[in-house]
Amino acid sequence: MVMVDLYGDEKEKSHHLSAMSKLARDLGMPIHEIGALYESVLEEMKKTARVRDYLSILASRQVKEFLHGKKVA
């Protein structure tokens, strides 16, 4: 599920795993389903992100919007 270079270090990995856990809990879905989608969104965002401090918030929002059928910008 996790790409080798998706996370810069263990601290960043832990931060994103925490965001995935919270998202899975909030949505009542298994973490493996949320995790795959979250990491796909995160990978795309990282390609163009200049400021990475809020990627977990933005990725979580996009996953929620996708799962709720909203159009994601």
PDB file of N, CA and C in Angstrom:
ATOM      1  N   MET A   1       0.826  -1.194   0.000  1.00  0.00           N
ATOM      2  CA  MET A   1       0.000   0.000   0.000  1.00  0.00           C
ATOM      3  C   MET A   1       0.870   1.257   0.000  1.00  0.00           C
ATOM      4  N   VAL A   2       1.939   1.289   0.761  1.00  0.00           N
ATOM      5  CA  VAL A   2       2.762   2.487   0.890  1.00  0.00           C
ATOM      6  C   VAL A   2       3.883   2.464  -0.134  1.00  0.00           C
ATOM      7  N   MET A   3       4.005   3.532  -0.891  1.00  0.00           N
ATOM      8  CA  MET A   3       5.115   3.644  -1.826  1.00  0.00           C
ATOM      9  C   MET A   3       6.377   3.976  -1.056  1.00  0.00           C
ATOM     10  N   VAL A   4       7.509   3.520  -1.568  1.00  0.00           N
ATOM     11  CA  VAL A   4       8.775   3.681  -0.873  1.00  0.00           C
ATOM     12  C   VAL A   4       9.095   5.137  -0.583  1.00  0.00           C
ATOM     13  N   ASP A   5       8.927   6.029  -1.535  1.00  0.00           N
ATOM     14  CA  ASP A   5       9.317   7.428  -1.345  1.00  0.00           C
ATOM     15  C   ASP A   5       8.137   8.372  -1.135  1.00  0.00           C
ATOM     16  N   LEU A   6       6.975   7.843  -0.825  1.00  0.00           N
ATOM     17  CA  LEU A   6       5.809   8.685  -0.600  1.00  0.00           C
ATOM     18  C   LEU A   6       5.984   9.536   0.653  1.00  0.00           C
ATOM     19  N   TYR A   7       6.622   8.958   1.651  1.00  0.00           N
ATOM     20  CA  TYR A   7       6.850   9.659   2.915  1.00  0.00           C
ATOM     21  C   TYR A   7       8.329   9.980   3.044  1.00  0.00           C
ATOM     22  N   GLY A   8       8.629  11.209   3.422  1.00  0.00           N
ATOM     23  CA  GLY A   8      10.012  11.638   3.540  1.00  0.00           C
ATOM     24  C   GLY A   8      10.769  10.977   4.674  1.00  0.00           C
ATOM     25  N   ASP A   9      10.075  10.737   5.780  1.00  0.00           N
ATOM     26  CA  ASP A   9      10.705  10.126   6.940  1.00  0.00           C
ATOM     27  C   ASP A   9       9.630   9.475   7.812  1.00  0.00           C
ATOM     28  N   GLU A  10      10.050   8.861   8.893  1.00  0.00           N
ATOM     29  CA  GLU A  10       9.108   8.162   9.777  1.00  0.00           C
ATOM     30  C   GLU A  10       8.116   9.116  10.439  1.00  0.00           C
ATOM     31  N   LYS A  11       8.555  10.328  10.740  1.00  0.00           N
ATOM     32  CA  LYS A  11       7.664  11.308  11.356  1.00  0.00           C
ATOM     33  C   LYS A  11       6.527  11.680  10.401  1.00  0.00           C
ATOM     34  N   GLU A  12       6.874  11.916   9.151  1.00  0.00           N
ATOM     35  CA  GLU A  12       5.857  12.249   8.146  1.00  0.00           C
ATOM     36  C   GLU A  12       4.925  11.059   7.917  1.00  0.00           C
ATOM     37  N   LYS A  13       5.490   9.866   7.862  1.00  0.00           N
ATOM     38  CA  LYS A  13       4.687   8.660   7.678  1.00  0.00           C
ATOM     39  C   LYS A  13       3.694   8.500   8.828  1.00  0.00           C
ATOM     40  N   SER A  14       4.164   8.695  10.041  1.00  0.00           N
ATOM     41  CA  SER A  14       3.312   8.586  11.225  1.00  0.00           C
ATOM     42  C   SER A  14       2.190   9.619  11.183  1.00  0.00           C
ATOM     43  N   HIS A  15       2.503  10.822  10.761  1.00  0.00           N
ATOM     44  CA  HIS A  15       1.513  11.893  10.658  1.00  0.00           C
ATOM     45  C   HIS A  15       0.399  11.515   9.678  1.00  0.00           C
ATOM     46  N   HIS A  16       0.783  11.016   8.515  1.00  0.00           N
ATOM     47  CA  HIS A  16      -0.213  10.652   7.507  1.00  0.00           C
ATOM     48  C   HIS A  16      -1.001   9.409   7.916  1.00  0.00           C
ATOM     49  N   LEU A  17      -0.355   8.449   8.565  1.00  0.00           N
ATOM     50  CA  LEU A  17      -1.080   7.268   9.044  1.00  0.00           C
ATOM     51  C   LEU A  17      -2.116   7.654  10.095  1.00  0.00           C
ATOM     52  N   SER A  18      -1.777   8.621  10.908  1.00  0.00           N
ATOM     53  CA  SER A  18      -2.729   9.132  11.898  1.00  0.00           C
ATOM     54  C   SER A  18      -3.923   9.791  11.207  1.00  0.00           C
ATOM     55  N   ALA A  19      -3.650  10.564  10.165  1.00  0.00           N
ATOM     56  CA  ALA A  19      -4.729  11.212   9.402  1.00  0.00           C
ATOM     57  C   ALA A  19      -5.622  10.166   8.747  1.00  0.00           C
ATOM     58  N   MET A  20      -5.019   9.096   8.217  1.00  0.00           N
ATOM     59  CA  MET A  20      -5.796   8.027   7.599  1.00  0.00           C
ATOM     60  C   MET A  20      -6.669   7.315   8.629  1.00  0.00           C
ATOM     61  N   SER A  21      -6.121   7.070   9.797  1.00  0.00           N
ATOM     62  CA  SER A  21      -6.878   6.402  10.865  1.00  0.00           C
ATOM     63  C   SER A  21      -8.083   7.240  11.280  1.00  0.00           C
ATOM     64  N   LYS A  22      -7.864   8.526  11.446  1.00  0.00           N
ATOM     65  CA  LYS A  22      -8.960   9.420  11.830  1.00  0.00           C
ATOM     66  C   LYS A  22     -10.027   9.451  10.738  1.00  0.00           C
ATOM     67  N   LEU A  23      -9.610   9.532   9.510  1.00  0.00           N
ATOM     68  CA  LEU A  23     -10.534   9.559   8.388  1.00  0.00           C
ATOM     69  C   LEU A  23     -11.347   8.263   8.329  1.00  0.00           C
ATOM     70  N   ALA A  24     -10.681   7.134   8.489  1.00  0.00           N
ATOM     71  CA  ALA A  24     -11.374   5.837   8.472  1.00  0.00           C
ATOM     72  C   ALA A  24     -12.396   5.756   9.610  1.00  0.00           C
ATOM     73  N   ARG A  25     -12.001   6.223  10.765  1.00  0.00           N
ATOM     74  CA  ARG A  25     -12.895   6.225  11.935  1.00  0.00           C
ATOM     75  C   ARG A  25     -14.097   7.144  11.692  1.00  0.00           C
ATOM     76  N   ASP A  26     -13.839   8.342  11.195  1.00  0.00           N
ATOM     77  CA  ASP A  26     -14.906   9.315  10.932  1.00  0.00           C
ATOM     78  C   ASP A  26     -15.898   8.819   9.886  1.00  0.00           C
ATOM     79  N   LEU A  27     -15.390   8.104   8.891  1.00  0.00           N
ATOM     80  CA  LEU A  27     -16.234   7.643   7.799  1.00  0.00           C
ATOM     81  C   LEU A  27     -16.790   6.237   8.029  1.00  0.00           C
ATOM     82  N   GLY A  28     -16.311   5.571   9.075  1.00  0.00           N
ATOM     83  CA  GLY A  28     -16.772   4.220   9.372  1.00  0.00           C
ATOM     84  C   GLY A  28     -16.369   3.212   8.308  1.00  0.00           C
ATOM     85  N   MET A  29     -15.157   3.386   7.787  1.00  0.00           N
ATOM     86  CA  MET A  29     -14.663   2.496   6.742  1.00  0.00           C
ATOM     87  C   MET A  29     -13.358   1.855   7.191  1.00  0.00           C
ATOM     88  N   PRO A  30     -13.017   0.699   6.607  1.00  0.00           N
ATOM     89  CA  PRO A  30     -11.742   0.058   6.940  1.00  0.00           C
ATOM     90  C   PRO A  30     -10.559   0.917   6.493  1.00  0.00           C
ATOM     91  N   ILE A  31      -9.521   0.916   7.302  1.00  0.00           N
ATOM     92  CA  ILE A  31      -8.358   1.757   6.993  1.00  0.00           C
ATOM     93  C   ILE A  31      -7.686   1.344   5.690  1.00  0.00           C
ATOM     94  N   HIS A  32      -7.721   0.067   5.338  1.00  0.00           N
ATOM     95  CA  HIS A  32      -7.061  -0.338   4.081  1.00  0.00           C
ATOM     96  C   HIS A  32      -7.763   0.252   2.863  1.00  0.00           C
ATOM     97  N   GLU A  33      -9.063   0.468   2.942  1.00  0.00           N
ATOM     98  CA  GLU A  33      -9.771   1.107   1.828  1.00  0.00           C
ATOM     99  C   GLU A  33      -9.468   2.602   1.777  1.00  0.00           C
ATOM    100  N   ILE A  34      -9.500   3.232   2.922  1.00  0.00           N
ATOM    101  CA  ILE A  34      -9.183   4.664   3.007  1.00  0.00           C
ATOM    102  C   ILE A  34      -7.725   4.901   2.650  1.00  0.00           C
ATOM    103  N   GLY A  35      -6.853   4.054   3.163  1.00  0.00           N
ATOM    104  CA  GLY A  35      -5.413   4.227   2.958  1.00  0.00           C
ATOM    105  C   GLY A  35      -5.005   4.237   1.500  1.00  0.00           C
ATOM    106  N   ALA A  36      -5.554   3.338   0.725  1.00  0.00           N
ATOM    107  CA  ALA A  36      -5.201   3.274  -0.696  1.00  0.00           C
ATOM    108  C   ALA A  36      -5.621   4.541  -1.426  1.00  0.00           C
ATOM    109  N   LEU A  37      -6.815   5.005  -1.155  1.00  0.00           N
ATOM    110  CA  LEU A  37      -7.311   6.232  -1.794  1.00  0.00           C
ATOM    111  C   LEU A  37      -6.522   7.449  -1.306  1.00  0.00           C
ATOM    112  N   TYR A  38      -6.307   7.532   0.003  1.00  0.00           N
ATOM    113  CA  TYR A  38      -5.565   8.648   0.595  1.00  0.00           C
ATOM    114  C   TYR A  38      -4.167   8.737  -0.021  1.00  0.00           C
ATOM    115  N   GLU A  39      -3.477   7.611  -0.117  1.00  0.00           N
ATOM    116  CA  GLU A  39      -2.114   7.628  -0.644  1.00  0.00           C
ATOM    117  C   GLU A  39      -2.086   7.993  -2.124  1.00  0.00           C
ATOM    118  N   SER A  40      -3.102   7.594  -2.862  1.00  0.00           N
ATOM    119  CA  SER A  40      -3.183   7.980  -4.267  1.00  0.00           C
ATOM    120  C   SER A  40      -3.352   9.496  -4.398  1.00  0.00           C
ATOM    121  N   VAL A  41      -4.240  10.056  -3.580  1.00  0.00           N
ATOM    122  CA  VAL A  41      -4.457  11.509  -3.569  1.00  0.00           C
ATOM    123  C   VAL A  41      -3.187  12.225  -3.117  1.00  0.00           C
ATOM    124  N   LEU A  42      -2.568  11.724  -2.058  1.00  0.00           N
ATOM    125  CA  LEU A  42      -1.345  12.342  -1.532  1.00  0.00           C
ATOM    126  C   LEU A  42      -0.230  12.340  -2.576  1.00  0.00           C
ATOM    127  N   GLU A  43      -0.086  11.236  -3.267  1.00  0.00           N
ATOM    128  CA  GLU A  43       0.960  11.140  -4.296  1.00  0.00           C
ATOM    129  C   GLU A  43       0.769  12.212  -5.367  1.00  0.00           C
ATOM    130  N   GLU A  44      -0.462  12.401  -5.820  1.00  0.00           N
ATOM    131  CA  GLU A  44      -0.737  13.427  -6.831  1.00  0.00           C
ATOM    132  C   GLU A  44      -0.485  14.829  -6.286  1.00  0.00           C
ATOM    133  N   MET A  45      -0.894  15.085  -5.054  1.00  0.00           N
ATOM    134  CA  MET A  45      -0.702  16.416  -4.456  1.00  0.00           C
ATOM    135  C   MET A  45       0.776  16.744  -4.273  1.00  0.00           C
ATOM    136  N   LYS A  46       1.559  15.746  -3.906  1.00  0.00           N
ATOM    137  CA  LYS A  46       2.984  15.986  -3.652  1.00  0.00           C
ATOM    138  C   LYS A  46       3.741  16.386  -4.911  1.00  0.00           C
ATOM    139  N   LYS A  47       3.223  16.007  -6.056  1.00  0.00           N
ATOM    140  CA  LYS A  47       3.899  16.337  -7.320  1.00  0.00           C
ATOM    141  C   LYS A  47       3.977  17.835  -7.552  1.00  0.00           C
ATOM    142  N   THR A  48       2.980  18.578  -7.057  1.00  0.00           N
ATOM    143  CA  THR A  48       2.938  20.014  -7.330  1.00  0.00           C
ATOM    144  C   THR A  48       2.942  20.887  -6.072  1.00  0.00           C
ATOM    145  N   ALA A  49       2.927  20.272  -4.913  1.00  0.00           N
ATOM    146  CA  ALA A  49       2.844  21.043  -3.666  1.00  0.00           C
ATOM    147  C   ALA A  49       4.140  21.798  -3.393  1.00  0.00           C
ATOM    148  N   ARG A  50       3.978  23.049  -3.056  1.00  0.00           N
ATOM    149  CA  ARG A  50       5.130  23.852  -2.639  1.00  0.00           C
ATOM    150  C   ARG A  50       5.217  23.882  -1.128  1.00  0.00           C
ATOM    151  N   VAL A  51       4.082  23.975  -0.483  1.00  0.00           N
ATOM    152  CA  VAL A  51       4.005  23.939   0.983  1.00  0.00           C
ATOM    153  C   VAL A  51       3.346  22.623   1.347  1.00  0.00           C
ATOM    154  N   ARG A  52       4.039  21.818   2.127  1.00  0.00           N
ATOM    155  CA  ARG A  52       3.548  20.478   2.434  1.00  0.00           C
ATOM    156  C   ARG A  52       2.951  20.355   3.830  1.00  0.00           C
ATOM    157  N   ASP A  53       2.912  21.444   4.555  1.00  0.00           N
ATOM    158  CA  ASP A  53       2.432  21.417   5.940  1.00  0.00           C
ATOM    159  C   ASP A  53       0.978  20.985   6.069  1.00  0.00           C
ATOM    160  N   TYR A  54       0.173  21.260   5.069  1.00  0.00           N
ATOM    161  CA  TYR A  54      -1.264  21.000   5.160  1.00  0.00           C
ATOM    162  C   TYR A  54      -1.732  19.869   4.252  1.00  0.00           C
ATOM    163  N   LEU A  55      -0.805  19.070   3.735  1.00  0.00           N
ATOM    164  CA  LEU A  55      -1.184  18.007   2.812  1.00  0.00           C
ATOM    165  C   LEU A  55      -2.121  16.986   3.438  1.00  0.00           C
ATOM    166  N   SER A  56      -1.937  16.683   4.719  1.00  0.00           N
ATOM    167  CA  SER A  56      -2.826  15.695   5.344  1.00  0.00           C
ATOM    168  C   SER A  56      -4.258  16.217   5.415  1.00  0.00           C
ATOM    169  N   ILE A  57      -4.414  17.500   5.680  1.00  0.00           N
ATOM    170  CA  ILE A  57      -5.748  18.101   5.734  1.00  0.00           C
ATOM    171  C   ILE A  57      -6.376  18.118   4.340  1.00  0.00           C
ATOM    172  N   LEU A  58      -5.604  18.541   3.359  1.00  0.00           N
ATOM    173  CA  LEU A  58      -6.118  18.630   1.985  1.00  0.00           C
ATOM    174  C   LEU A  58      -6.412  17.256   1.401  1.00  0.00           C
ATOM    175  N   ALA A  59      -5.537  16.296   1.653  1.00  0.00           N
ATOM    176  CA  ALA A  59      -5.761  14.935   1.150  1.00  0.00           C
ATOM    177  C   ALA A  59      -7.003  14.328   1.804  1.00  0.00           C
ATOM    178  N   SER A  60      -7.156  14.536   3.106  1.00  0.00           N
ATOM    179  CA  SER A  60      -8.332  14.023   3.807  1.00  0.00           C
ATOM    180  C   SER A  60      -9.603  14.625   3.235  1.00  0.00           C
ATOM    181  N   ARG A  61      -9.574  15.904   2.971  1.00  0.00           N
ATOM    182  CA  ARG A  61     -10.750  16.588   2.409  1.00  0.00           C
ATOM    183  C   ARG A  61     -11.097  16.021   1.033  1.00  0.00           C
ATOM    184  N   GLN A  62     -10.077  15.804   0.211  1.00  0.00           N
ATOM    185  CA  GLN A  62     -10.341  15.271  -1.130  1.00  0.00           C
ATOM    186  C   GLN A  62     -10.908  13.856  -1.059  1.00  0.00           C
ATOM    187  N   VAL A  63     -10.397  13.043  -0.155  1.00  0.00           N
ATOM    188  CA  VAL A  63     -10.907  11.681  -0.001  1.00  0.00           C
ATOM    189  C   VAL A  63     -12.368  11.725   0.428  1.00  0.00           C
ATOM    190  N   LYS A  64     -12.687  12.571   1.412  1.00  0.00           N
ATOM    191  CA  LYS A  64     -14.081  12.704   1.860  1.00  0.00           C
ATOM    192  C   LYS A  64     -14.985  13.136   0.710  1.00  0.00           C
ATOM    193  N   GLU A  65     -14.561  14.133  -0.043  1.00  0.00           N
ATOM    194  CA  GLU A  65     -15.365  14.634  -1.151  1.00  0.00           C
ATOM    195  C   GLU A  65     -15.548  13.556  -2.221  1.00  0.00           C
ATOM    196  N   PHE A  66     -14.494  12.818  -2.502  1.00  0.00           N
ATOM    197  CA  PHE A  66     -14.590  11.754  -3.483  1.00  0.00           C
ATOM    198  C   PHE A  66     -15.594  10.689  -3.039  1.00  0.00           C
ATOM    199  N   LEU A  67     -15.492  10.298  -1.793  1.00  0.00           N
ATOM    200  CA  LEU A  67     -16.367   9.253  -1.281  1.00  0.00           C
ATOM    201  C   LEU A  67     -17.811   9.716  -1.134  1.00  0.00           C
ATOM    202  N   HIS A  68     -18.016  10.996  -0.996  1.00  0.00           N
ATOM    203  CA  HIS A  68     -19.368  11.538  -0.908  1.00  0.00           C
ATOM    204  C   HIS A  68     -19.910  11.952  -2.274  1.00  0.00           C
ATOM    205  N   GLY A  69     -19.143  11.679  -3.326  1.00  0.00           N
ATOM    206  CA  GLY A  69     -19.626  11.937  -4.674  1.00  0.00           C
ATOM    207  C   GLY A  69     -19.571  13.373  -5.128  1.00  0.00           C
ATOM    208  N   LYS A  70     -18.846  14.207  -4.407  1.00  0.00           N
ATOM    209  CA  LYS A  70     -18.729  15.608  -4.815  1.00  0.00           C
ATOM    210  C   LYS A  70     -17.633  15.741  -5.846  1.00  0.00           C
ATOM    211  N   LYS A  71     -17.725  16.767  -6.633  1.00  0.00           N
ATOM    212  CA  LYS A  71     -16.680  17.063  -7.582  1.00  0.00           C
ATOM    213  C   LYS A  71     -15.496  17.650  -6.839  1.00  0.00           C
ATOM    214  N   VAL A  72     -14.308  17.083  -7.077  1.00  0.00           N
ATOM    215  CA  VAL A  72     -13.093  17.558  -6.429  1.00  0.00           C
ATOM    216  C   VAL A  72     -12.351  18.447  -7.394  1.00  0.00           C
ATOM    217  N   ALA A  73     -11.999  19.663  -6.932  1.00  0.00           N
ATOM    218  CA  ALA A  73     -11.290  20.625  -7.790  1.00  0.00           C
ATOM    219  C   ALA A  73      -9.828  20.284  -7.892  1.00  0.00           C
TER     220      ALA A  73
END
